[in-house]
Amino acid sequence: MFALAQTSVVDKSITVIGISELEIEPDLITLSMSLKETENVKKESDVVTLENKLTKFLSTLGIPKDNFTIDRFFARDQISLTGSSKFKQSKVYKLVIPSSLLLDTIVTKCFELGLENVYVSKIDHSKIDSLKNDLLSKAIHSAKTKAEIIASNMGVSLGKVIMVNESYKLVGDRSDLYYDRPFSMEEVVVTGYGSGRNNSQRNSSTINLEKLHLSKTVIAKFEIN
């Protein structure tokens, strides 16, 4: 008769979680807006005049004209009973501005010029990649520090790293949602400018824009001796 013996393997390791978070003001704010009008093709375009006025205004704020672009354009011919040629056109614009401090001034000007449906379609940061990499480095350092504290209090020495994983599940549903996410502007829409919202008046001259919430989480496993 033969006896089979099982040898249990003890996992001598420490598993820790490192988290690093940051809230930062966006410096790339994309505004979407639209304009509709009926225009006589034989006269100078009122739309072009409006676009030039807005571009000139933006230049006084230090915003390059290339930041103001046409996102979508629709047009169709319309013949009147008198035989004159007219067409209806609809334009949707995108405007990238570098600071939320300019929002109130720019939105007010857009309404004055006849633009409508003004809203923040995206917020971002010009150094988003370096910020995320810095957070990842801090999360890894946090995990290692935790492992060292645990090992020291347990009277063991910390060995080499067995595994390091970047995790998004522990961050929640906020991970990378600042990309292409619509953000509402408080007290932006004024009754009388063609708004479909129910805001009846502006209570403040300052628009509050949500900050970017960046977070990195790592799970690290270390040997202990």
Protein backbone atom coordinates (compact mmCIF):
# COMPACT_ATOMS: atom_id res chain seq x y z
CA MET A 1 0.00 0.00 0.00
CA PHE A 2 1.26 3.36 -0.97
CA ALA A 3 0.37 6.57 0.85
CA LEU A 4 0.12 9.82 -1.07
CA ALA A 5 1.02 12.92 0.92
CA GLN A 6 -0.07 16.40 -0.06
CA THR A 7 2.29 19.25 0.62
CA SER A 8 0.53 22.56 1.28
CA VAL A 9 2.19 25.65 -0.11
CA VAL A 10 1.97 28.71 2.12
CA ASP A 11 1.57 31.93 0.20
CA LYS A 12 3.94 34.29 1.96
CA SER A 13 2.86 37.57 0.47
CA ILE A 14 1.14 40.89 1.12
CA THR A 15 -1.46 42.34 -1.24
CA VAL A 16 -2.18 46.05 -0.98
CA ILE A 17 -4.09 48.73 -2.84
CA GLY A 18 -2.65 52.11 -3.77
CA ILE A 19 -4.93 55.01 -4.75
CA SER A 20 -4.11 58.50 -5.95
CA GLU A 21 -6.73 61.12 -6.84
CA LEU A 22 -6.78 64.67 -8.14
CA GLU A 23 -9.39 67.32 -8.89
CA ILE A 24 -8.32 69.96 -11.36
CA GLU A 25 -9.86 72.83 -13.28
CA PRO A 26 -10.18 72.00 -16.99
CA ASP A 27 -8.25 74.20 -19.40
CA LEU A 28 -9.85 72.81 -22.56
CA ILE A 29 -13.57 73.50 -22.51
CA THR A 30 -15.59 72.78 -25.65
CA LEU A 31 -18.78 74.76 -26.14
CA SER A 32 -21.36 73.61 -28.67
CA MET A 33 -23.87 76.07 -30.12
CA SER A 34 -26.19 76.36 -33.09
CA LEU A 35 -27.62 78.98 -35.43
CA LYS A 36 -30.62 78.83 -37.76
CA GLU A 37 -31.84 81.44 -40.20
CA THR A 38 -33.54 82.00 -43.55
CA GLU A 39 -31.21 83.88 -45.86
CA ASN A 40 -31.42 85.56 -49.25
CA VAL A 41 -28.45 84.31 -51.26
CA LYS A 42 -28.21 87.57 -53.26
CA LYS A 43 -27.18 89.67 -50.26
CA GLU A 44 -24.20 89.49 -47.96
CA SER A 45 -24.55 86.60 -45.57
CA ASP A 46 -25.75 87.61 -42.10
CA VAL A 47 -24.29 84.35 -40.84
CA VAL A 48 -20.82 85.24 -42.08
CA THR A 49 -21.17 88.65 -40.45
CA LEU A 50 -22.13 87.00 -37.17
CA GLU A 51 -19.21 84.58 -37.40
CA ASN A 52 -16.81 87.43 -38.05
CA LYS A 53 -18.16 89.40 -35.08
CA LEU A 54 -17.73 86.43 -32.76
CA THR A 55 -14.24 85.68 -34.09
CA LYS A 56 -13.22 89.30 -33.55
CA PHE A 57 -14.65 89.25 -30.03
CA LEU A 58 -12.78 86.03 -29.22
CA SER A 59 -9.52 87.58 -30.41
CA THR A 60 -9.91 90.32 -27.76
CA LEU A 61 -9.92 87.50 -25.18
CA GLY A 62 -6.79 85.94 -26.64
CA ILE A 63 -8.61 82.97 -28.18
CA PRO A 64 -7.31 81.96 -31.65
CA LYS A 65 -9.86 81.96 -34.47
CA ASP A 66 -9.01 78.32 -35.16
CA ASN A 67 -10.69 77.43 -31.85
CA PHE A 68 -14.04 78.39 -33.39
CA THR A 69 -15.07 75.82 -36.01
CA ILE A 70 -18.15 74.52 -37.80
CA ASP A 71 -19.13 71.11 -36.50
CA ARG A 72 -22.13 70.47 -38.78
CA PHE A 73 -23.81 72.39 -41.59
CA PHE A 74 -27.18 71.81 -43.28
CA ALA A 75 -28.77 73.82 -46.11
CA ARG A 76 -31.67 73.49 -48.55
CA ASP A 77 -33.09 75.65 -51.37
CA GLN A 78 -36.37 77.45 -50.85
CA ILE A 79 -38.25 79.14 -53.72
CA SER A 80 -40.75 81.82 -52.75
CA LEU A 81 -44.01 82.65 -54.59
CA THR A 82 -42.27 85.62 -56.22
CA GLY A 83 -39.60 83.36 -57.66
CA SER A 84 -36.76 84.67 -55.54
CA SER A 85 -34.20 82.14 -54.39
CA LYS A 86 -33.76 81.63 -50.68
CA PHE A 87 -32.47 78.79 -48.61
CA LYS A 88 -32.64 77.66 -45.01
CA GLN A 89 -29.44 76.78 -43.33
CA SER A 90 -28.51 75.41 -39.95
CA LYS A 91 -25.05 75.49 -38.48
CA VAL A 92 -23.63 73.84 -35.37
CA TYR A 93 -20.37 75.25 -34.03
CA LYS A 94 -17.71 74.17 -31.61
CA LEU A 95 -15.64 76.61 -29.59
CA VAL A 96 -12.68 75.58 -27.43
CA ILE A 97 -11.87 77.99 -24.60
CA PRO A 98 -8.94 77.76 -22.17
CA SER A 99 -10.62 78.70 -18.88
CA SER A 100 -13.96 78.41 -17.14
CA LEU A 101 -13.51 82.05 -16.06
CA LEU A 102 -14.33 83.06 -19.65
CA LEU A 103 -17.55 81.06 -19.86
CA ASP A 104 -19.93 83.71 -18.60
CA THR A 105 -18.52 86.40 -20.89
CA ILE A 106 -18.51 84.17 -23.96
CA VAL A 107 -21.93 82.61 -23.38
CA THR A 108 -23.50 86.05 -22.90
CA LYS A 109 -21.93 87.26 -26.14
CA CYS A 110 -23.14 84.18 -28.02
CA PHE A 111 -26.72 84.85 -26.94
CA GLU A 112 -26.41 88.52 -27.89
CA LEU A 113 -25.34 87.55 -31.41
CA GLY A 114 -28.27 85.17 -31.83
CA LEU A 115 -26.69 81.81 -31.18
CA GLU A 116 -28.73 79.23 -29.28
CA ASN A 117 -28.48 75.84 -27.58
CA VAL A 118 -25.17 76.78 -25.98
CA TYR A 119 -23.80 74.04 -23.75
CA VAL A 120 -20.53 72.45 -22.62
CA SER A 121 -20.06 69.31 -24.69
CA LYS A 122 -16.64 68.31 -23.38
CA ILE A 123 -14.05 69.24 -20.78
CA ASP A 124 -10.43 68.20 -20.84
CA HIS A 125 -6.95 69.27 -19.79
CA SER A 126 -3.98 70.05 -22.01
CA LYS A 127 -1.68 67.97 -19.78
CA ILE A 128 -4.09 65.13 -19.11
CA ASP A 129 -1.64 62.34 -20.03
CA SER A 130 1.18 63.60 -17.82
CA LEU A 131 -1.26 64.14 -14.96
CA LYS A 132 -2.55 60.58 -15.25
CA ASN A 133 1.00 59.20 -15.38
CA ASP A 134 1.91 61.19 -12.28
CA LEU A 135 -1.14 59.81 -10.45
CA LEU A 136 -0.19 56.27 -11.46
CA SER A 137 3.31 56.78 -10.05
CA LYS A 138 1.85 58.10 -6.78
CA ALA A 139 -0.58 55.18 -6.56
CA ILE A 140 2.29 52.70 -6.95
CA HIS A 141 4.32 54.55 -4.30
CA SER A 142 1.29 54.49 -1.98
CA ALA A 143 0.92 50.73 -2.42
CA LYS A 144 4.60 50.12 -1.67
CA THR A 145 4.47 52.34 1.43
CA LYS A 146 1.45 50.44 2.73
CA ALA A 147 3.23 47.11 2.17
CA GLU A 148 6.31 48.36 4.04
CA ILE A 149 4.19 49.50 7.00
CA ILE A 150 2.38 46.17 7.17
CA ALA A 151 5.63 44.18 6.93
CA SER A 152 7.31 46.31 9.60
CA ASN A 153 4.44 45.88 12.07
CA MET A 154 4.31 42.13 11.41
CA GLY A 155 8.04 41.72 12.04
CA VAL A 156 8.83 40.46 8.54
CA SER A 157 10.86 41.88 5.68
CA LEU A 158 9.39 42.94 2.38
CA GLY A 159 10.59 41.01 -0.65
CA LYS A 160 10.30 41.52 -4.36
CA VAL A 161 7.14 42.50 -6.21
CA ILE A 162 5.13 39.51 -7.42
CA MET A 163 2.39 41.36 -9.26
CA VAL A 164 1.14 44.88 -9.97
CA ASN A 165 -2.20 45.53 -11.68
CA GLU A 166 -3.85 48.80 -12.56
CA SER A 167 -7.51 48.66 -11.58
CA TYR A 168 -10.44 50.80 -12.70
CA LYS A 169 -13.24 48.99 -10.91
CA LEU A 170 -12.22 50.36 -7.52
CA VAL A 171 -12.40 53.92 -8.81
CA GLY A 172 -16.13 53.77 -9.51
CA ASP A 173 -17.94 55.09 -12.55
CA ARG A 174 -15.93 58.31 -12.71
CA SER A 175 -13.01 56.84 -14.61
CA ASP A 176 -12.25 58.86 -17.76
CA LEU A 177 -15.81 60.18 -18.02
CA TYR A 178 -14.50 63.66 -18.69
CA TYR A 179 -13.97 62.60 -22.28
CA ASP A 180 -16.93 63.46 -24.53
CA ARG A 181 -19.30 63.86 -21.63
CA PRO A 182 -21.91 66.66 -21.71
CA PHE A 183 -21.64 68.95 -18.68
CA SER A 184 -24.44 71.32 -17.77
CA MET A 185 -23.77 74.96 -16.95
CA GLU A 186 -25.59 76.40 -13.98
CA GLU A 187 -27.73 79.49 -14.67
CA VAL A 188 -26.61 79.81 -18.28
CA VAL A 189 -29.81 79.84 -20.26
CA VAL A 190 -31.85 83.05 -20.11
CA THR A 191 -35.56 83.17 -20.91
CA GLY A 192 -36.02 85.07 -24.15
CA TYR A 193 -33.05 83.56 -25.97
CA GLY A 194 -34.94 80.55 -27.31
CA SER A 195 -34.15 78.15 -24.52
CA GLY A 196 -36.08 74.98 -23.91
CA ARG A 197 -35.04 74.79 -20.26
CA ASN A 198 -37.11 76.03 -17.36
CA ASN A 199 -34.61 78.43 -15.83
CA SER A 200 -36.45 81.72 -15.49
CA GLN A 201 -33.56 83.99 -14.57
CA ARG A 202 -29.89 84.17 -13.85
CA ASN A 203 -29.07 84.42 -10.19
CA SER A 204 -25.36 84.86 -10.61
CA SER A 205 -22.82 86.20 -13.06
CA THR A 206 -20.55 83.21 -12.51
CA ILE A 207 -20.95 79.84 -14.22
CA ASN A 208 -19.93 76.89 -12.07
CA LEU A 209 -18.26 74.14 -14.09
CA GLU A 210 -17.55 70.71 -12.71
CA LYS A 211 -13.89 69.94 -12.09
CA LEU A 212 -12.07 67.03 -13.68
CA HIS A 213 -11.77 64.13 -11.25
CA LEU A 214 -8.74 61.98 -12.05
CA SER A 215 -8.00 58.77 -10.19
CA LYS A 216 -5.57 55.88 -10.47
CA THR A 217 -5.73 52.63 -8.50
CA VAL A 218 -3.19 49.82 -8.41
CA ILE A 219 -3.21 46.42 -6.71
CA ALA A 220 0.27 45.19 -5.75
CA LYS A 221 1.44 41.90 -4.32
CA PHE A 222 4.80 41.60 -2.52
CA GLU A 223 6.73 38.64 -1.15
CA ILE A 224 7.45 38.63 2.59
CA ASN A 225 10.41 36.92 4.23
